[in-house]
Amino acid sequence: MVEWMLDEFDRDSGRFIGSYRISGLSDADAGSLLGVDEVRIGLVYDIPETSLAEISARFGLMVYPEHREYLLGTGDSGSA
């Protein structure tokens, strides 16, 4: 099963902060948040700040776009 992951990086140092599983996010929802017609499994995408606010509200994640960079991509949960 493919799940969407939000990766967080420090803007100043480029250091990886963490990765968060976005359970319940469909491919269509991800495409809408990213502003693309079709999402491709295995790629990572920059997220518009307005979409970060929506992800924060929908999934209860704290985001800090002024200090951090976020990428959205897919990960394999290992289950079929």
PDB file of N, CA and C in Angstrom:
ATOM      1  N   MET A   1       0.843  -1.179   0.000  1.00  0.00           N
ATOM      2  CA  MET A   1       0.000   0.000   0.000  1.00  0.00           C
ATOM      3  C   MET A   1       0.894   1.249   0.000  1.00  0.00           C
ATOM      4  N   VAL A   2       0.566   2.206  -0.823  1.00  0.00           N
ATOM      5  CA  VAL A   2       1.326   3.448  -0.909  1.00  0.00           C
ATOM      6  C   VAL A   2       0.692   4.478   0.014  1.00  0.00           C
ATOM      7  N   GLU A   3       1.536   5.146   0.792  1.00  0.00           N
ATOM      8  CA  GLU A   3       1.066   6.208   1.681  1.00  0.00           C
ATOM      9  C   GLU A   3       1.845   7.478   1.379  1.00  0.00           C
ATOM     10  N   TRP A   4       1.208   8.598   1.597  1.00  0.00           N
ATOM     11  CA  TRP A   4       1.854   9.891   1.402  1.00  0.00           C
ATOM     12  C   TRP A   4       2.624  10.279   2.650  1.00  0.00           C
ATOM     13  N   MET A   5       3.826  10.833   2.442  1.00  0.00           N
ATOM     14  CA  MET A   5       4.712  11.244   3.521  1.00  0.00           C
ATOM     15  C   MET A   5       5.078  12.711   3.336  1.00  0.00           C
ATOM     16  N   LEU A   6       5.150  13.428   4.440  1.00  0.00           N
ATOM     17  CA  LEU A   6       5.580  14.822   4.447  1.00  0.00           C
ATOM     18  C   LEU A   6       6.958  14.866   5.097  1.00  0.00           C
ATOM     19  N   ASP A   7       7.963  15.276   4.330  1.00  0.00           N
ATOM     20  CA  ASP A   7       9.329  15.387   4.842  1.00  0.00           C
ATOM     21  C   ASP A   7       9.623  16.839   5.184  1.00  0.00           C
ATOM     22  N   GLU A   8      10.290  17.043   6.306  1.00  0.00           N
ATOM     23  CA  GLU A   8      10.550  18.386   6.820  1.00  0.00           C
ATOM     24  C   GLU A   8      12.069  18.621   6.916  1.00  0.00           C
ATOM     25  N   PHE A   9      12.526  19.762   6.389  1.00  0.00           N
ATOM     26  CA  PHE A   9      13.939  20.123   6.389  1.00  0.00           C
ATOM     27  C   PHE A   9      14.105  21.538   6.936  1.00  0.00           C
ATOM     28  N   ASP A  10      15.222  21.790   7.634  1.00  0.00           N
ATOM     29  CA  ASP A  10      15.556  23.126   8.099  1.00  0.00           C
ATOM     30  C   ASP A  10      16.019  23.962   6.912  1.00  0.00           C
ATOM     31  N   ARG A  11      15.445  25.146   6.723  1.00  0.00           N
ATOM     32  CA  ARG A  11      15.796  26.007   5.582  1.00  0.00           C
ATOM     33  C   ARG A  11      17.249  26.482   5.626  1.00  0.00           C
ATOM     34  N   ASP A  12      17.751  26.822   6.807  1.00  0.00           N
ATOM     35  CA  ASP A  12      19.095  27.378   6.908  1.00  0.00           C
ATOM     36  C   ASP A  12      20.192  26.335   6.705  1.00  0.00           C
ATOM     37  N   SER A  13      20.064  25.196   7.360  1.00  0.00           N
ATOM     38  CA  SER A  13      21.124  24.189   7.306  1.00  0.00           C
ATOM     39  C   SER A  13      20.870  23.088   6.283  1.00  0.00           C
ATOM     40  N   GLY A  14      19.610  22.940   5.858  1.00  0.00           N
ATOM     41  CA  GLY A  14      19.255  21.840   4.964  1.00  0.00           C
ATOM     42  C   GLY A  14      19.114  20.513   5.695  1.00  0.00           C
ATOM     43  N   ARG A  15      19.250  20.544   7.021  1.00  0.00           N
ATOM     44  CA  ARG A  15      19.184  19.334   7.837  1.00  0.00           C
ATOM     45  C   ARG A  15      17.774  18.736   7.814  1.00  0.00           C
ATOM     46  N   PHE A  16      17.728  17.413   7.690  1.00  0.00           N
ATOM     47  CA  PHE A  16      16.468  16.668   7.732  1.00  0.00           C
ATOM     48  C   PHE A  16      15.934  16.711   9.165  1.00  0.00           C
ATOM     49  N   ILE A  17      14.670  17.105   9.325  1.00  0.00           N
ATOM     50  CA  ILE A  17      14.039  17.193  10.646  1.00  0.00           C
ATOM     51  C   ILE A  17      13.229  15.938  10.942  1.00  0.00           C
ATOM     52  N   GLY A  18      12.382  15.544  10.001  1.00  0.00           N
ATOM     53  CA  GLY A  18      11.537  14.384  10.241  1.00  0.00           C
ATOM     54  C   GLY A  18      10.627  14.094   9.065  1.00  0.00           C
ATOM     55  N   SER A  19       9.958  12.968   9.169  1.00  0.00           N
ATOM     56  CA  SER A  19       9.035  12.524   8.142  1.00  0.00           C
ATOM     57  C   SER A  19       7.727  12.143   8.826  1.00  0.00           C
ATOM     58  N   TYR A  20       6.618  12.569   8.251  1.00  0.00           N
ATOM     59  CA  TYR A  20       5.311  12.341   8.846  1.00  0.00           C
ATOM     60  C   TYR A  20       4.395  11.637   7.852  1.00  0.00           C
ATOM     61  N   ARG A  21       3.769  10.559   8.300  1.00  0.00           N
ATOM     62  CA  ARG A  21       2.817   9.818   7.463  1.00  0.00           C
ATOM     63  C   ARG A  21       1.506  10.587   7.437  1.00  0.00           C
ATOM     64  N   ILE A  22       0.987  10.806   6.226  1.00  0.00           N
ATOM     65  CA  ILE A  22      -0.284  11.516   6.051  1.00  0.00           C
ATOM     66  C   ILE A  22      -1.352  10.468   5.725  1.00  0.00           C
ATOM     67  N   SER A  23      -1.872   9.838   6.749  1.00  0.00           N
ATOM     68  CA  SER A  23      -2.867   8.771   6.564  1.00  0.00           C
ATOM     69  C   SER A  23      -4.169   9.344   6.032  1.00  0.00           C
ATOM     70  N   GLY A  24      -4.738   8.652   5.063  1.00  0.00           N
ATOM     71  CA  GLY A  24      -6.035   9.044   4.522  1.00  0.00           C
ATOM     72  C   GLY A  24      -5.972  10.051   3.393  1.00  0.00           C
ATOM     73  N   LEU A  25      -4.766  10.407   2.948  1.00  0.00           N
ATOM     74  CA  LEU A  25      -4.637  11.347   1.827  1.00  0.00           C
ATOM     75  C   LEU A  25      -4.645  10.548   0.520  1.00  0.00           C
ATOM     76  N   SER A  26      -5.653  10.788  -0.292  1.00  0.00           N
ATOM     77  CA  SER A  26      -5.749  10.071  -1.575  1.00  0.00           C
ATOM     78  C   SER A  26      -4.819  10.714  -2.600  1.00  0.00           C
ATOM     79  N   ASP A  27      -4.551  10.007  -3.674  1.00  0.00           N
ATOM     80  CA  ASP A  27      -3.736  10.558  -4.760  1.00  0.00           C
ATOM     81  C   ASP A  27      -4.397  11.805  -5.342  1.00  0.00           C
ATOM     82  N   ALA A  28      -5.725  11.779  -5.472  1.00  0.00           N
ATOM     83  CA  ALA A  28      -6.448  12.936  -6.011  1.00  0.00           C
ATOM     84  C   ALA A  28      -6.325  14.140  -5.081  1.00  0.00           C
ATOM     85  N   ASP A  29      -6.449  13.904  -3.769  1.00  0.00           N
ATOM     86  CA  ASP A  29      -6.275  14.985  -2.797  1.00  0.00           C
ATOM     87  C   ASP A  29      -4.858  15.545  -2.836  1.00  0.00           C
ATOM     88  N   ALA A  30      -3.885  14.656  -2.947  1.00  0.00           N
ATOM     89  CA  ALA A  30      -2.484  15.091  -3.024  1.00  0.00           C
ATOM     90  C   ALA A  30      -2.276  15.954  -4.258  1.00  0.00           C
ATOM     91  N   GLY A  31      -2.811  15.527  -5.389  1.00  0.00           N
ATOM     92  CA  GLY A  31      -2.687  16.306  -6.622  1.00  0.00           C
ATOM     93  C   GLY A  31      -3.310  17.681  -6.480  1.00  0.00           C
ATOM     94  N   SER A  32      -4.457  17.747  -5.820  1.00  0.00           N
ATOM     95  CA  SER A  32      -5.125  19.023  -5.604  1.00  0.00           C
ATOM     96  C   SER A  32      -4.272  19.937  -4.713  1.00  0.00           C
ATOM     97  N   LEU A  33      -3.717  19.392  -3.646  1.00  0.00           N
ATOM     98  CA  LEU A  33      -2.859  20.174  -2.751  1.00  0.00           C
ATOM     99  C   LEU A  33      -1.603  20.673  -3.459  1.00  0.00           C
ATOM    100  N   LEU A  34      -1.091  19.858  -4.367  1.00  0.00           N
ATOM    101  CA  LEU A  34       0.147  20.194  -5.069  1.00  0.00           C
ATOM    102  C   LEU A  34      -0.086  21.046  -6.313  1.00  0.00           C
ATOM    103  N   GLY A  35      -1.336  21.112  -6.758  1.00  0.00           N
ATOM    104  CA  GLY A  35      -1.648  21.880  -7.960  1.00  0.00           C
ATOM    105  C   GLY A  35      -1.233  21.183  -9.239  1.00  0.00           C
ATOM    106  N   VAL A  36      -1.266  19.848  -9.226  1.00  0.00           N
ATOM    107  CA  VAL A  36      -0.923  19.081 -10.423  1.00  0.00           C
ATOM    108  C   VAL A  36      -2.095  18.180 -10.798  1.00  0.00           C
ATOM    109  N   ASP A  37      -2.212  17.885 -12.081  1.00  0.00           N
ATOM    110  CA  ASP A  37      -3.302  17.044 -12.555  1.00  0.00           C
ATOM    111  C   ASP A  37      -3.090  15.577 -12.215  1.00  0.00           C
ATOM    112  N   GLU A  38      -1.835  15.147 -12.225  1.00  0.00           N
ATOM    113  CA  GLU A  38      -1.528  13.738 -11.986  1.00  0.00           C
ATOM    114  C   GLU A  38      -0.288  13.641 -11.112  1.00  0.00           C
ATOM    115  N   VAL A  39      -0.377  12.868 -10.027  1.00  0.00           N
ATOM    116  CA  VAL A  39       0.784  12.629  -9.187  1.00  0.00           C
ATOM    117  C   VAL A  39       1.420  11.315  -9.598  1.00  0.00           C
ATOM    118  N   ARG A  40       2.732  11.270  -9.492  1.00  0.00           N
ATOM    119  CA  ARG A  40       3.460  10.052  -9.866  1.00  0.00           C
ATOM    120  C   ARG A  40       4.106   9.456  -8.631  1.00  0.00           C
ATOM    121  N   ILE A  41       3.850   8.179  -8.432  1.00  0.00           N
ATOM    122  CA  ILE A  41       4.399   7.456  -7.295  1.00  0.00           C
ATOM    123  C   ILE A  41       5.927   7.429  -7.434  1.00  0.00           C
ATOM    124  N   GLY A  42       6.611   7.684  -6.341  1.00  0.00           N
ATOM    125  CA  GLY A  42       8.068   7.653  -6.331  1.00  0.00           C
ATOM    126  C   GLY A  42       8.717   9.015  -6.488  1.00  0.00           C
ATOM    127  N   LEU A  43       7.940  10.051  -6.809  1.00  0.00           N
ATOM    128  CA  LEU A  43       8.483  11.400  -6.915  1.00  0.00           C
ATOM    129  C   LEU A  43       8.178  12.175  -5.644  1.00  0.00           C
ATOM    130  N   VAL A  44       8.959  13.217  -5.390  1.00  0.00           N
ATOM    131  CA  VAL A  44       8.656  14.129  -4.288  1.00  0.00           C
ATOM    132  C   VAL A  44       8.327  15.483  -4.875  1.00  0.00           C
ATOM    133  N   TYR A  45       7.467  16.220  -4.188  1.00  0.00           N
ATOM    134  CA  TYR A  45       6.962  17.487  -4.692  1.00  0.00           C
ATOM    135  C   TYR A  45       7.119  18.578  -3.640  1.00  0.00           C
ATOM    136  N   ASP A  46       7.489  19.792  -4.094  1.00  0.00           N
ATOM    137  CA  ASP A  46       7.431  20.971  -3.237  1.00  0.00           C
ATOM    138  C   ASP A  46       5.970  21.289  -2.981  1.00  0.00           C
ATOM    139  N   ILE A  47       5.678  21.771  -1.799  1.00  0.00           N
ATOM    140  CA  ILE A  47       4.292  22.061  -1.434  1.00  0.00           C
ATOM    141  C   ILE A  47       4.085  23.566  -1.328  1.00  0.00           C
ATOM    142  N   PRO A  48       3.063  24.109  -2.000  1.00  0.00           N
ATOM    143  CA  PRO A  48       2.751  25.527  -1.838  1.00  0.00           C
ATOM    144  C   PRO A  48       2.381  25.833  -0.380  1.00  0.00           C
ATOM    145  N   GLU A  49       2.736  27.030   0.101  1.00  0.00           N
ATOM    146  CA  GLU A  49       2.448  27.393   1.496  1.00  0.00           C
ATOM    147  C   GLU A  49       0.970  27.299   1.839  1.00  0.00           C
ATOM    148  N   THR A  50       0.099  27.656   0.901  1.00  0.00           N
ATOM    149  CA  THR A  50      -1.341  27.567   1.176  1.00  0.00           C
ATOM    150  C   THR A  50      -1.752  26.113   1.426  1.00  0.00           C
ATOM    151  N   SER A  51      -1.129  25.194   0.718  1.00  0.00           N
ATOM    152  CA  SER A  51      -1.435  23.774   0.918  1.00  0.00           C
ATOM    153  C   SER A  51      -0.879  23.266   2.238  1.00  0.00           C
ATOM    154  N   LEU A  52       0.249  23.820   2.685  1.00  0.00           N
ATOM    155  CA  LEU A  52       0.780  23.451   4.002  1.00  0.00           C
ATOM    156  C   LEU A  52      -0.213  23.794   5.097  1.00  0.00           C
ATOM    157  N   ALA A  53      -0.843  24.954   4.973  1.00  0.00           N
ATOM    158  CA  ALA A  53      -1.842  25.358   5.957  1.00  0.00           C
ATOM    159  C   ALA A  53      -3.013  24.365   5.968  1.00  0.00           C
ATOM    160  N   GLU A  54      -3.419  23.912   4.797  1.00  0.00           N
ATOM    161  CA  GLU A  54      -4.519  22.940   4.712  1.00  0.00           C
ATOM    162  C   GLU A  54      -4.115  21.598   5.309  1.00  0.00           C
ATOM    163  N   ILE A  55      -2.896  21.143   5.014  1.00  0.00           N
ATOM    164  CA  ILE A  55      -2.398  19.887   5.584  1.00  0.00           C
ATOM    165  C   ILE A  55      -2.349  19.994   7.104  1.00  0.00           C
ATOM    166  N   SER A  56      -1.869  21.129   7.599  1.00  0.00           N
ATOM    167  CA  SER A  56      -1.798  21.352   9.046  1.00  0.00           C
ATOM    168  C   SER A  56      -3.186  21.260   9.676  1.00  0.00           C
ATOM    169  N   ALA A  57      -4.158  21.919   9.078  1.00  0.00           N
ATOM    170  CA  ALA A  57      -5.516  21.922   9.618  1.00  0.00           C
ATOM    171  C   ALA A  57      -6.174  20.544   9.526  1.00  0.00           C
ATOM    172  N   ARG A  58      -6.019  19.869   8.393  1.00  0.00           N
ATOM    173  CA  ARG A  58      -6.675  18.569   8.179  1.00  0.00           C
ATOM    174  C   ARG A  58      -6.063  17.442   8.988  1.00  0.00           C
ATOM    175  N   PHE A  59      -4.731  17.474   9.152  1.00  0.00           N
ATOM    176  CA  PHE A  59      -4.046  16.329   9.748  1.00  0.00           C
ATOM    177  C   PHE A  59      -3.395  16.637  11.093  1.00  0.00           C
ATOM    178  N   GLY A  60      -3.609  17.849  11.600  1.00  0.00           N
ATOM    179  CA  GLY A  60      -3.127  18.192  12.928  1.00  0.00           C
ATOM    180  C   GLY A  60      -1.616  18.285  13.053  1.00  0.00           C
ATOM    181  N   LEU A  61      -0.925  18.625  11.971  1.00  0.00           N
ATOM    182  CA  LEU A  61       0.528  18.766  12.010  1.00  0.00           C
ATOM    183  C   LEU A  61       0.902  20.233  12.149  1.00  0.00           C
ATOM    184  N   MET A  62       1.882  20.510  12.973  1.00  0.00           N
ATOM    185  CA  MET A  62       2.407  21.867  13.089  1.00  0.00           C
ATOM    186  C   MET A  62       3.427  22.063  11.972  1.00  0.00           C
ATOM    187  N   VAL A  63       3.275  23.120  11.204  1.00  0.00           N
ATOM    188  CA  VAL A  63       4.227  23.425  10.126  1.00  0.00           C
ATOM    189  C   VAL A  63       4.788  24.832  10.330  1.00  0.00           C
ATOM    190  N   TYR A  64       6.012  25.027   9.909  1.00  0.00           N
ATOM    191  CA  TYR A  64       6.718  26.297  10.090  1.00  0.00           C
ATOM    192  C   TYR A  64       7.364  26.713   8.774  1.00  0.00           C
ATOM    193  N   PRO A  65       6.572  27.139   7.783  1.00  0.00           N
ATOM    194  CA  PRO A  65       7.116  27.422   6.449  1.00  0.00           C
ATOM    195  C   PRO A  65       8.155  28.537   6.419  1.00  0.00           C
ATOM    196  N   GLU A  66       8.155  29.422   7.402  1.00  0.00           N
ATOM    197  CA  GLU A  66       9.152  30.485   7.398  1.00  0.00           C
ATOM    198  C   GLU A  66      10.544  29.956   7.773  1.00  0.00           C
ATOM    199  N   HIS A  67      10.606  28.798   8.437  1.00  0.00           N
ATOM    200  CA  HIS A  67      11.885  28.231   8.880  1.00  0.00           C
ATOM    201  C   HIS A  67      12.192  26.865   8.286  1.00  0.00           C
ATOM    202  N   ARG A  68      11.185  26.228   7.730  1.00  0.00           N
ATOM    203  CA  ARG A  68      11.354  24.850   7.255  1.00  0.00           C
ATOM    204  C   ARG A  68      10.886  24.719   5.817  1.00  0.00           C
ATOM    205  N   GLU A  69      11.436  23.725   5.149  1.00  0.00           N
ATOM    206  CA  GLU A  69      11.011  23.371   3.792  1.00  0.00           C
ATOM    207  C   GLU A  69      10.335  22.014   3.873  1.00  0.00           C
ATOM    208  N   TYR A  70       9.267  21.829   3.105  1.00  0.00           N
ATOM    209  CA  TYR A  70       8.501  20.583   3.148  1.00  0.00           C
ATOM    210  C   TYR A  70       8.392  19.989   1.750  1.00  0.00           C
ATOM    211  N   LEU A  71       8.520  18.678   1.697  1.00  0.00           N
ATOM    212  CA  LEU A  71       8.336  17.931   0.460  1.00  0.00           C
ATOM    213  C   LEU A  71       7.309  16.851   0.705  1.00  0.00           C
ATOM    214  N   LEU A  72       6.448  16.619  -0.270  1.00  0.00           N
ATOM    215  CA  LEU A  72       5.431  15.573  -0.168  1.00  0.00           C
ATOM    216  C   LEU A  72       5.774  14.497  -1.179  1.00  0.00           C
ATOM    217  N   GLY A  73       5.778  13.269  -0.726  1.00  0.00           N
ATOM    218  CA  GLY A  73       6.090  12.141  -1.595  1.00  0.00           C
ATOM    219  C   GLY A  73       5.419  10.891  -1.080  1.00  0.00           C
ATOM    220  N   THR A  74       5.693   9.797  -1.723  1.00  0.00           N
ATOM    221  CA  THR A  74       5.071   8.539  -1.331  1.00  0.00           C
ATOM    222  C   THR A  74       6.093   7.614  -0.682  1.00  0.00           C
ATOM    223  N   GLY A  75       5.576   6.801   0.214  1.00  0.00           N
ATOM    224  CA  GLY A  75       6.391   5.778   0.850  1.00  0.00           C
ATOM    225  C   GLY A  75       5.613   4.474   0.820  1.00  0.00           C
ATOM    226  N   ASP A  76       6.301   3.367   0.861  1.00  0.00           N
ATOM    227  CA  ASP A  76       5.661   2.049   0.844  1.00  0.00           C
ATOM    228  C   ASP A  76       5.548   1.556   2.268  1.00  0.00           C
ATOM    229  N   SER A  77       4.329   1.342   2.733  1.00  0.00           N
ATOM    230  CA  SER A  77       4.107   0.888   4.103  1.00  0.00           C
ATOM    231  C   SER A  77       4.463  -0.579   4.288  1.00  0.00           C
ATOM    232  N   GLY A  78       4.707  -1.289   3.197  1.00  0.00           N
ATOM    233  CA  GLY A  78       5.084  -2.691   3.291  1.00  0.00           C
ATOM    234  C   GLY A  78       3.919  -3.650   3.316  1.00  0.00           C
ATOM    235  N   SER A  79       2.696  -3.152   3.339  1.00  0.00           N
ATOM    236  CA  SER A  79       1.534  -4.038   3.323  1.00  0.00           C
ATOM    237  C   SER A  79       0.884  -4.017   1.971  1.00  0.00           C
ATOM    238  N   ALA A  80       0.218  -5.100   1.638  1.00  0.00           N
ATOM    239  CA  ALA A  80      -0.427  -5.190   0.334  1.00  0.00           C
ATOM    240  C   ALA A  80      -1.919  -5.006   0.451  1.00  0.00           C
TER     241      ALA A  80
END
